[in-house]
Amino acid sequence: MKIKKGFCVRRVGEENIAVPVGERSKQFRGMIKLNETGNFLWDFFTKEHTVGEAVKALCDEYEVDAETAEQDVARFISVLTENGFAE
């Protein structure tokens, strides 16, 4: 899985915001607020990775158990796919 091109993430105050740019802004008119974990996963999925790789990376980065990481990754991927952000 990989996030489609056409988004950039910017730090605004204390928050990370993903916004569409270029042609993508014609398809999605909004922004996505990312918490710390979401920002980590967004950055991780700017390159092609499997769900298993994401779970391992989340466990390594945040020292969480695999079950929690799997749930977080599943929720993140669900939001991406529901909104057409993933390839």
PDB file of N, CA and C in Angstrom:
ATOM      1  N   MET A   1       0.834  -1.171   0.000  1.00  0.00           N
ATOM      2  CA  MET A   1       0.000   0.000   0.000  1.00  0.00           C
ATOM      3  C   MET A   1       0.881   1.237   0.000  1.00  0.00           C
ATOM      4  N   LYS A   2       0.329   2.292  -0.597  1.00  0.00           N
ATOM      5  CA  LYS A   2       1.071   3.546  -0.691  1.00  0.00           C
ATOM      6  C   LYS A   2       0.069   4.690  -0.813  1.00  0.00           C
ATOM      7  N   ILE A   3       0.396   5.823  -0.212  1.00  0.00           N
ATOM      8  CA  ILE A   3      -0.451   7.011  -0.343  1.00  0.00           C
ATOM      9  C   ILE A   3      -0.241   7.600  -1.731  1.00  0.00           C
ATOM     10  N   LYS A   4      -1.339   7.960  -2.375  1.00  0.00           N
ATOM     11  CA  LYS A   4      -1.259   8.559  -3.701  1.00  0.00           C
ATOM     12  C   LYS A   4      -0.498   9.870  -3.655  1.00  0.00           C
ATOM     13  N   LYS A   5       0.116  10.208  -4.759  1.00  0.00           N
ATOM     14  CA  LYS A   5       0.806  11.498  -4.868  1.00  0.00           C
ATOM     15  C   LYS A   5      -0.234  12.614  -4.889  1.00  0.00           C
ATOM     16  N   GLY A   6       0.199  13.795  -4.502  1.00  0.00           N
ATOM     17  CA  GLY A   6      -0.703  14.931  -4.554  1.00  0.00           C
ATOM     18  C   GLY A   6      -1.105  15.458  -3.191  1.00  0.00           C
ATOM     19  N   PHE A   7      -0.388  15.030  -2.163  1.00  0.00           N
ATOM     20  CA  PHE A   7      -0.641  15.533  -0.812  1.00  0.00           C
ATOM     21  C   PHE A   7       0.678  16.003  -0.218  1.00  0.00           C
ATOM     22  N   CYS A   8       0.604  16.977   0.639  1.00  0.00           N
ATOM     23  CA  CYS A   8       1.778  17.362   1.411  1.00  0.00           C
ATOM     24  C   CYS A   8       1.348  17.543   2.865  1.00  0.00           C
ATOM     25  N   VAL A   9       2.278  17.312   3.758  1.00  0.00           N
ATOM     26  CA  VAL A   9       2.009  17.444   5.186  1.00  0.00           C
ATOM     27  C   VAL A   9       2.789  18.648   5.694  1.00  0.00           C
ATOM     28  N   ARG A  10       2.093  19.475   6.426  1.00  0.00           N
ATOM     29  CA  ARG A  10       2.702  20.670   7.003  1.00  0.00           C
ATOM     30  C   ARG A  10       2.393  20.723   8.487  1.00  0.00           C
ATOM     31  N   ARG A  11       3.296  21.280   9.233  1.00  0.00           N
ATOM     32  CA  ARG A  11       3.090  21.504  10.668  1.00  0.00           C
ATOM     33  C   ARG A  11       2.459  22.874  10.829  1.00  0.00           C
ATOM     34  N   VAL A  12       1.278  22.922  11.431  1.00  0.00           N
ATOM     35  CA  VAL A  12       0.558  24.171  11.678  1.00  0.00           C
ATOM     36  C   VAL A  12       0.341  24.260  13.185  1.00  0.00           C
ATOM     37  N   GLY A  13       1.076  25.151  13.825  1.00  0.00           N
ATOM     38  CA  GLY A  13       1.002  25.219  15.283  1.00  0.00           C
ATOM     39  C   GLY A  13       1.484  23.921  15.885  1.00  0.00           C
ATOM     40  N   GLU A  14       0.625  23.269  16.612  1.00  0.00           N
ATOM     41  CA  GLU A  14       0.957  22.004  17.260  1.00  0.00           C
ATOM     42  C   GLU A  14       0.446  20.792  16.487  1.00  0.00           C
ATOM     43  N   GLU A  15      -0.112  21.011  15.295  1.00  0.00           N
ATOM     44  CA  GLU A  15      -0.735  19.913  14.564  1.00  0.00           C
ATOM     45  C   GLU A  15      -0.077  19.674  13.213  1.00  0.00           C
ATOM     46  N   ASN A  16      -0.146  18.420  12.763  1.00  0.00           N
ATOM     47  CA  ASN A  16       0.286  18.048  11.425  1.00  0.00           C
ATOM     48  C   ASN A  16      -0.956  17.956  10.558  1.00  0.00           C
ATOM     49  N   ILE A  17      -0.917  18.616   9.421  1.00  0.00           N
ATOM     50  CA  ILE A  17      -2.058  18.673   8.516  1.00  0.00           C
ATOM     51  C   ILE A  17      -1.621  18.185   7.136  1.00  0.00           C
ATOM     52  N   ALA A  18      -2.358  17.235   6.578  1.00  0.00           N
ATOM     53  CA  ALA A  18      -2.130  16.784   5.203  1.00  0.00           C
ATOM     54  C   ALA A  18      -3.136  17.515   4.317  1.00  0.00           C
ATOM     55  N   VAL A  19      -2.633  18.136   3.273  1.00  0.00           N
ATOM     56  CA  VAL A  19      -3.504  18.882   2.363  1.00  0.00           C
ATOM     57  C   VAL A  19      -3.240  18.430   0.928  1.00  0.00           C
ATOM     58  N   PRO A  20      -4.275  18.426   0.118  1.00  0.00           N
ATOM     59  CA  PRO A  20      -4.094  18.074  -1.289  1.00  0.00           C
ATOM     60  C   PRO A  20      -3.455  19.242  -2.034  1.00  0.00           C
ATOM     61  N   VAL A  21      -2.676  18.926  -3.043  1.00  0.00           N
ATOM     62  CA  VAL A  21      -2.052  19.948  -3.884  1.00  0.00           C
ATOM     63  C   VAL A  21      -2.277  19.596  -5.354  1.00  0.00           C
ATOM     64  N   GLY A  22      -2.191  20.594  -6.199  1.00  0.00           N
ATOM     65  CA  GLY A  22      -2.326  20.375  -7.634  1.00  0.00           C
ATOM     66  C   GLY A  22      -3.657  19.765  -8.010  1.00  0.00           C
ATOM     67  N   GLU A  23      -3.618  18.800  -8.912  1.00  0.00           N
ATOM     68  CA  GLU A  23      -4.834  18.139  -9.396  1.00  0.00           C
ATOM     69  C   GLU A  23      -5.611  17.449  -8.276  1.00  0.00           C
ATOM     70  N   ARG A  24      -4.890  16.961  -7.277  1.00  0.00           N
ATOM     71  CA  ARG A  24      -5.544  16.253  -6.168  1.00  0.00           C
ATOM     72  C   ARG A  24      -6.515  17.176  -5.432  1.00  0.00           C
ATOM     73  N   SER A  25      -6.214  18.480  -5.402  1.00  0.00           N
ATOM     74  CA  SER A  25      -7.095  19.417  -4.693  1.00  0.00           C
ATOM     75  C   SER A  25      -8.443  19.574  -5.392  1.00  0.00           C
ATOM     76  N   LYS A  26      -8.528  19.163  -6.654  1.00  0.00           N
ATOM     77  CA  LYS A  26      -9.814  19.191  -7.350  1.00  0.00           C
ATOM     78  C   LYS A  26     -10.688  18.007  -6.941  1.00  0.00           C
ATOM     79  N   GLN A  27     -10.049  16.929  -6.488  1.00  0.00           N
ATOM     80  CA  GLN A  27     -10.769  15.724  -6.104  1.00  0.00           C
ATOM     81  C   GLN A  27     -11.120  15.699  -4.618  1.00  0.00           C
ATOM     82  N   PHE A  28     -10.264  16.305  -3.820  1.00  0.00           N
ATOM     83  CA  PHE A  28     -10.488  16.323  -2.370  1.00  0.00           C
ATOM     84  C   PHE A  28     -10.330  17.747  -1.883  1.00  0.00           C
ATOM     85  N   ARG A  29     -11.402  18.293  -1.382  1.00  0.00           N
ATOM     86  CA  ARG A  29     -11.380  19.683  -0.912  1.00  0.00           C
ATOM     87  C   ARG A  29     -11.462  19.690   0.602  1.00  0.00           C
ATOM     88  N   GLY A  30     -10.326  19.587   1.211  1.00  0.00           N
ATOM     89  CA  GLY A  30     -10.275  19.576   2.658  1.00  0.00           C
ATOM     90  C   GLY A  30      -8.861  19.370   3.129  1.00  0.00           C
ATOM     91  N   MET A  31      -8.749  19.047   4.382  1.00  0.00           N
ATOM     92  CA  MET A  31      -7.454  18.724   4.951  1.00  0.00           C
ATOM     93  C   MET A  31      -7.634  17.614   5.962  1.00  0.00           C
ATOM     94  N   ILE A  32      -6.552  16.959   6.281  1.00  0.00           N
ATOM     95  CA  ILE A  32      -6.581  15.830   7.183  1.00  0.00           C
ATOM     96  C   ILE A  32      -5.679  16.151   8.367  1.00  0.00           C
ATOM     97  N   LYS A  33      -6.256  16.166   9.545  1.00  0.00           N
ATOM     98  CA  LYS A  33      -5.482  16.410  10.760  1.00  0.00           C
ATOM     99  C   LYS A  33      -4.890  15.080  11.217  1.00  0.00           C
ATOM    100  N   LEU A  34      -3.590  15.067  11.422  1.00  0.00           N
ATOM    101  CA  LEU A  34      -2.888  13.846  11.797  1.00  0.00           C
ATOM    102  C   LEU A  34      -2.339  13.954  13.215  1.00  0.00           C
ATOM    103  N   ASN A  35      -2.665  12.966  14.043  1.00  0.00           N
ATOM    104  CA  ASN A  35      -2.016  12.919  15.353  1.00  0.00           C
ATOM    105  C   ASN A  35      -0.595  12.386  15.144  1.00  0.00           C
ATOM    106  N   GLU A  36       0.136  12.202  16.212  1.00  0.00           N
ATOM    107  CA  GLU A  36       1.537  11.779  16.094  1.00  0.00           C
ATOM    108  C   GLU A  36       1.665  10.439  15.376  1.00  0.00           C
ATOM    109  N   THR A  37       0.822   9.481  15.745  1.00  0.00           N
ATOM    110  CA  THR A  37       0.860   8.170  15.104  1.00  0.00           C
ATOM    111  C   THR A  37       0.437   8.261  13.641  1.00  0.00           C
ATOM    112  N   GLY A  38      -0.613   9.033  13.381  1.00  0.00           N
ATOM    113  CA  GLY A  38      -1.069   9.222  12.012  1.00  0.00           C
ATOM    114  C   GLY A  38      -0.003   9.851  11.143  1.00  0.00           C
ATOM    115  N   ASN A  39       0.714  10.817  11.687  1.00  0.00           N
ATOM    116  CA  ASN A  39       1.790  11.466  10.941  1.00  0.00           C
ATOM    117  C   ASN A  39       2.906  10.465  10.636  1.00  0.00           C
ATOM    118  N   PHE A  40       3.231   9.628  11.618  1.00  0.00           N
ATOM    119  CA  PHE A  40       4.247   8.594  11.417  1.00  0.00           C
ATOM    120  C   PHE A  40       3.821   7.651  10.290  1.00  0.00           C
ATOM    121  N   LEU A  41       2.569   7.170  10.351  1.00  0.00           N
ATOM    122  CA  LEU A  41       2.084   6.242   9.335  1.00  0.00           C
ATOM    123  C   LEU A  41       1.964   6.907   7.967  1.00  0.00           C
ATOM    124  N   TRP A  42       1.534   8.160   7.942  1.00  0.00           N
ATOM    125  CA  TRP A  42       1.442   8.883   6.664  1.00  0.00           C
ATOM    126  C   TRP A  42       2.813   8.920   6.005  1.00  0.00           C
ATOM    127  N   ASP A  43       3.823   9.319   6.768  1.00  0.00           N
ATOM    128  CA  ASP A  43       5.178   9.376   6.245  1.00  0.00           C
ATOM    129  C   ASP A  43       5.652   7.997   5.811  1.00  0.00           C
ATOM    130  N   PHE A  44       5.344   6.978   6.610  1.00  0.00           N
ATOM    131  CA  PHE A  44       5.741   5.607   6.303  1.00  0.00           C
ATOM    132  C   PHE A  44       5.141   5.146   4.981  1.00  0.00           C
ATOM    133  N   PHE A  45       3.874   5.459   4.762  1.00  0.00           N
ATOM    134  CA  PHE A  45       3.183   4.999   3.557  1.00  0.00           C
ATOM    135  C   PHE A  45       3.359   5.918   2.345  1.00  0.00           C
ATOM    136  N   THR A  46       4.261   6.874   2.424  1.00  0.00           N
ATOM    137  CA  THR A  46       4.585   7.628   1.207  1.00  0.00           C
ATOM    138  C   THR A  46       5.407   6.759   0.265  1.00  0.00           C
ATOM    139  N   LYS A  47       5.915   5.651   0.799  1.00  0.00           N
ATOM    140  CA  LYS A  47       6.577   4.627  -0.008  1.00  0.00           C
ATOM    141  C   LYS A  47       5.768   3.339   0.144  1.00  0.00           C
ATOM    142  N   GLU A  48       5.903   2.465  -0.823  1.00  0.00           N
ATOM    143  CA  GLU A  48       5.152   1.204  -0.813  1.00  0.00           C
ATOM    144  C   GLU A  48       5.583   0.320   0.355  1.00  0.00           C
ATOM    145  N   HIS A  49       4.606  -0.089   1.173  1.00  0.00           N
ATOM    146  CA  HIS A  49       4.856  -0.974   2.308  1.00  0.00           C
ATOM    147  C   HIS A  49       3.651  -1.876   2.509  1.00  0.00           C
ATOM    148  N   THR A  50       3.897  -2.992   3.170  1.00  0.00           N
ATOM    149  CA  THR A  50       2.800  -3.888   3.530  1.00  0.00           C
ATOM    150  C   THR A  50       2.252  -3.483   4.898  1.00  0.00           C
ATOM    151  N   VAL A  51       1.085  -4.021   5.206  1.00  0.00           N
ATOM    152  CA  VAL A  51       0.487  -3.788   6.521  1.00  0.00           C
ATOM    153  C   VAL A  51       1.401  -4.342   7.610  1.00  0.00           C
ATOM    154  N   GLY A  52       1.949  -5.524   7.392  1.00  0.00           N
ATOM    155  CA  GLY A  52       2.850  -6.132   8.363  1.00  0.00           C
ATOM    156  C   GLY A  52       4.072  -5.269   8.639  1.00  0.00           C
ATOM    157  N   GLU A  53       4.622  -4.679   7.599  1.00  0.00           N
ATOM    158  CA  GLU A  53       5.772  -3.786   7.790  1.00  0.00           C
ATOM    159  C   GLU A  53       5.377  -2.561   8.605  1.00  0.00           C
ATOM    160  N   ALA A  54       4.181  -2.051   8.374  1.00  0.00           N
ATOM    161  CA  ALA A  54       3.702  -0.887   9.125  1.00  0.00           C
ATOM    162  C   ALA A  54       3.509  -1.230  10.596  1.00  0.00           C
ATOM    163  N   VAL A  55       2.958  -2.398  10.859  1.00  0.00           N
ATOM    164  CA  VAL A  55       2.752  -2.828  12.249  1.00  0.00           C
ATOM    165  C   VAL A  55       4.098  -2.936  12.958  1.00  0.00           C
ATOM    166  N   LYS A  56       5.077  -3.552  12.307  1.00  0.00           N
ATOM    167  CA  LYS A  56       6.399  -3.688  12.911  1.00  0.00           C
ATOM    168  C   LYS A  56       7.031  -2.319  13.147  1.00  0.00           C
ATOM    169  N   ALA A  57       6.931  -1.429  12.172  1.00  0.00           N
ATOM    170  CA  ALA A  57       7.518  -0.097  12.317  1.00  0.00           C
ATOM    171  C   ALA A  57       6.864   0.663  13.469  1.00  0.00           C
ATOM    172  N   LEU A  58       5.557   0.535  13.605  1.00  0.00           N
ATOM    173  CA  LEU A  58       4.839   1.208  14.694  1.00  0.00           C
ATOM    174  C   LEU A  58       5.266   0.633  16.052  1.00  0.00           C
ATOM    175  N   CYS A  59       5.404  -0.674  16.127  1.00  0.00           N
ATOM    176  CA  CYS A  59       5.865  -1.307  17.371  1.00  0.00           C
ATOM    177  C   CYS A  59       7.269  -0.829  17.734  1.00  0.00           C
ATOM    178  N   ASP A  60       8.138  -0.751  16.752  1.00  0.00           N
ATOM    179  CA  ASP A  60       9.516  -0.329  16.996  1.00  0.00           C
ATOM    180  C   ASP A  60       9.593   1.137  17.412  1.00  0.00           C
ATOM    181  N   GLU A  61       8.793   1.974  16.771  1.00  0.00           N
ATOM    182  CA  GLU A  61       8.852   3.418  17.030  1.00  0.00           C
ATOM    183  C   GLU A  61       8.224   3.802  18.368  1.00  0.00           C
ATOM    184  N   TYR A  62       7.096   3.185  18.701  1.00  0.00           N
ATOM    185  CA  TYR A  62       6.335   3.607  19.872  1.00  0.00           C
ATOM    186  C   TYR A  62       6.307   2.581  21.006  1.00  0.00           C
ATOM    187  N   GLU A  63       6.982   1.453  20.824  1.00  0.00           N
ATOM    188  CA  GLU A  63       7.023   0.423  21.848  1.00  0.00           C
ATOM    189  C   GLU A  63       5.621   0.015  22.322  1.00  0.00           C
ATOM    190  N   VAL A  64       4.738  -0.211  21.357  1.00  0.00           N
ATOM    191  CA  VAL A  64       3.391  -0.701  21.653  1.00  0.00           C
ATOM    192  C   VAL A  64       3.330  -2.178  21.296  1.00  0.00           C
ATOM    193  N   ASP A  65       2.336  -2.867  21.825  1.00  0.00           N
ATOM    194  CA  ASP A  65       2.194  -4.286  21.502  1.00  0.00           C
ATOM    195  C   ASP A  65       1.627  -4.433  20.093  1.00  0.00           C
ATOM    196  N   ALA A  66       1.833  -5.604  19.528  1.00  0.00           N
ATOM    197  CA  ALA A  66       1.437  -5.857  18.142  1.00  0.00           C
ATOM    198  C   ALA A  66      -0.063  -5.700  17.932  1.00  0.00           C
ATOM    199  N   GLU A  67      -0.865  -6.118  18.899  1.00  0.00           N
ATOM    200  CA  GLU A  67      -2.325  -6.011  18.745  1.00  0.00           C
ATOM    201  C   GLU A  67      -2.763  -4.549  18.638  1.00  0.00           C
ATOM    202  N   THR A  68      -2.225  -3.687  19.474  1.00  0.00           N
ATOM    203  CA  THR A  68      -2.552  -2.265  19.414  1.00  0.00           C
ATOM    204  C   THR A  68      -2.084  -1.666  18.097  1.00  0.00           C
ATOM    205  N   ALA A  69      -0.875  -2.018  17.684  1.00  0.00           N
ATOM    206  CA  ALA A  69      -0.343  -1.508  16.420  1.00  0.00           C
ATOM    207  C   ALA A  69      -1.199  -1.968  15.241  1.00  0.00           C
ATOM    208  N   GLU A  70      -1.631  -3.224  15.245  1.00  0.00           N
ATOM    209  CA  GLU A  70      -2.484  -3.740  14.168  1.00  0.00           C
ATOM    210  C   GLU A  70      -3.793  -2.966  14.091  1.00  0.00           C
ATOM    211  N   GLN A  71      -4.385  -2.679  15.244  1.00  0.00           N
ATOM    212  CA  GLN A  71      -5.643  -1.915  15.267  1.00  0.00           C
ATOM    213  C   GLN A  71      -5.432  -0.494  14.735  1.00  0.00           C
ATOM    214  N   ASP A  72      -4.342   0.142  15.144  1.00  0.00           N
ATOM    215  CA  ASP A  72      -4.053   1.507  14.686  1.00  0.00           C
ATOM    216  C   ASP A  72      -3.816   1.547  13.182  1.00  0.00           C
ATOM    217  N   VAL A  73      -3.038   0.606  12.686  1.00  0.00           N
ATOM    218  CA  VAL A  73      -2.759   0.551  11.250  1.00  0.00           C
ATOM    219  C   VAL A  73      -4.041   0.264  10.475  1.00  0.00           C
ATOM    220  N   ALA A  74      -4.861  -0.649  10.965  1.00  0.00           N
ATOM    221  CA  ALA A  74      -6.120  -0.977  10.290  1.00  0.00           C
ATOM    222  C   ALA A  74      -7.037   0.245  10.208  1.00  0.00           C
ATOM    223  N   ARG A  75      -7.150   1.000  11.300  1.00  0.00           N
ATOM    224  CA  ARG A  75      -7.982   2.218  11.282  1.00  0.00           C
ATOM    225  C   ARG A  75      -7.429   3.235  10.305  1.00  0.00           C
ATOM    226  N   PHE A  76      -6.121   3.418  10.303  1.00  0.00           N
ATOM    227  CA  PHE A  76      -5.481   4.377   9.408  1.00  0.00           C
ATOM    228  C   PHE A  76      -5.725   3.992   7.944  1.00  0.00           C
ATOM    229  N   ILE A  77      -5.500   2.738   7.627  1.00  0.00           N
ATOM    230  CA  ILE A  77      -5.702   2.265   6.253  1.00  0.00           C
ATOM    231  C   ILE A  77      -7.163   2.378   5.852  1.00  0.00           C
ATOM    232  N   SER A  78      -8.062   2.120   6.764  1.00  0.00           N
ATOM    233  CA  SER A  78      -9.484   2.242   6.483  1.00  0.00           C
ATOM    234  C   SER A  78      -9.842   3.666   6.058  1.00  0.00           C
ATOM    235  N   VAL A  79      -9.325   4.640   6.782  1.00  0.00           N
ATOM    236  CA  VAL A  79      -9.590   6.051   6.435  1.00  0.00           C
ATOM    237  C   VAL A  79      -8.992   6.379   5.073  1.00  0.00           C
ATOM    238  N   LEU A  80      -7.774   5.912   4.818  1.00  0.00           N
ATOM    239  CA  LEU A  80      -7.142   6.189   3.524  1.00  0.00           C
ATOM    240  C   LEU A  80      -7.931   5.589   2.371  1.00  0.00           C
ATOM    241  N   THR A  81      -8.335   4.335   2.511  1.00  0.00           N
ATOM    242  CA  THR A  81      -9.029   3.675   1.404  1.00  0.00           C
ATOM    243  C   THR A  81     -10.447   4.229   1.219  1.00  0.00           C
ATOM    244  N   GLU A  82     -11.134   4.534   2.322  1.00  0.00           N
ATOM    245  CA  GLU A  82     -12.489   5.094   2.204  1.00  0.00           C
ATOM    246  C   GLU A  82     -12.498   6.425   1.471  1.00  0.00           C
ATOM    247  N   ASN A  83     -11.420   7.170   1.591  1.00  0.00           N
ATOM    248  CA  ASN A  83     -11.335   8.485   0.961  1.00  0.00           C
ATOM    249  C   ASN A  83     -10.543   8.484  -0.338  1.00  0.00           C
ATOM    250  N   GLY A  84     -10.091   7.326  -0.777  1.00  0.00           N
ATOM    251  CA  GLY A  84      -9.391   7.227  -2.048  1.00  0.00           C
ATOM    252  C   GLY A  84      -7.977   7.784  -2.028  1.00  0.00           C
ATOM    253  N   PHE A  85      -7.329   7.758  -0.878  1.00  0.00           N
ATOM    254  CA  PHE A  85      -5.975   8.309  -0.763  1.00  0.00           C
ATOM    255  C   PHE A  85      -4.889   7.276  -1.019  1.00  0.00           C
ATOM    256  N   ALA A  86      -5.248   5.996  -1.064  1.00  0.00           N
ATOM    257  CA  ALA A  86      -4.249   4.921  -1.170  1.00  0.00           C
ATOM    258  C   ALA A  86      -4.256   4.283  -2.537  1.00  0.00           C
ATOM    259  N   GLU A  87      -3.087   3.817  -2.941  1.00  0.00           N
ATOM    260  CA  GLU A  87      -2.922   3.049  -4.181  1.00  0.00           C
ATOM    261  C   GLU A  87      -2.872   1.578  -3.832  1.00  0.00           C
TER     262      GLU A  87
END
